[in-house]
């Protein structure tokens, strides 16, 4: 596993595979992508995986050079470069794609708009825009895209292709994420997770698995995801598709990510008794994961502890089982890179319950008990 994030070290332990972690987290380290590719490609391995956007692309480049199983780098870039992916999506399922345009003046459809970087991560810099003045004021070159450019260039994307923003028709609905994998051209759907936001915001509070959607709706999402995966040319990899299910029951595609949804792995483990990391390693070695886990047991929730005002972090909880602490003492929240445009993430943890209500109660009780200490900033 290359360029692992902190949760990879917890979830990647395997009885079936000898897993080696190599390389720095690309979201926190300043590296030369070509030199890192050369270094990683020289390591002995039967398979290679990455679990974040850039590490998934780097893993595809390593696999291509080594002749190992995995998706092509071109297919990864086709998903991650949002204008390219939107064009592919529109050809496959035009009814499920909002109107969109690369930001270059006023788009040819009315406000409100949803604006996001042409290459982004974790909803950073994505926002609702209600007027032309706000649209014109959006910054041009966030640092994440500059870092991604050097790596994507190795996969054939021009460096200036990462610049700018995509403007989309604003669509409202319940957000869900379908996760699955493709092996030998056949798509297997693992399940669908419901995304629930803090009231009155666009910031996620929790992710509930399995989804509360009706079986017929889940089947429709699976059919749409299967078509999208084929159209993007993905093979031998995990994927997840974010959808908005509107009030009339129709679905709109938010985006297709060509990687595992690592935050949801403990949810799947809790409900099905099998880790998605285990299936990921099988794919990387050219094997069929043979996903057959039966009926789900209970409901699991990944809960995100957030605040909505910047502050100085003075203390964080001691390590706990299943708790990911995302901030460090001594820094302001805005300095720590775990933010969307409206809030600051402090931690993520997972709870399980026999019912959805039971799991949520446990989450909120645990969130209240976490001893974060934040000091208000001078106004």
Foldseek 3Di string as FASTA:
>chain_A
DEQADPVCVVQQDDPVDDDDYYYHNLVPDDDQLVVVLVVVLPDDDLFFAYFFLLRRLSRLSSCVVNVFFFWHSQLSVCFQQQVSLLVLLCVQCVVQAFDKDFDDADDPDADFKWKDFSGDPPQAPIDTDGDRVVSVPRDKDDPVLQSSLSSSVVRPDHSCSRIGMMIGHDAAAWKKKWKWAAAPLDIDTLAMWTFDPDPPDPHTFKIKPHDPDDPVLRVVVVVSVSSSCVSSRGYLFMKMWMWGQHPVRDIHTPGIHGRGPSLCQVFSCQFQVDGVSQCSVCSRSNHHSPDDRDGTAFMKMKGWQKDFAKFAWADWADDDPFKAAQDDHPDIQVVRPQDHPGIGTGIIGMFTDRYPVVRVVVVVVVSVPTDTDTHHDDD
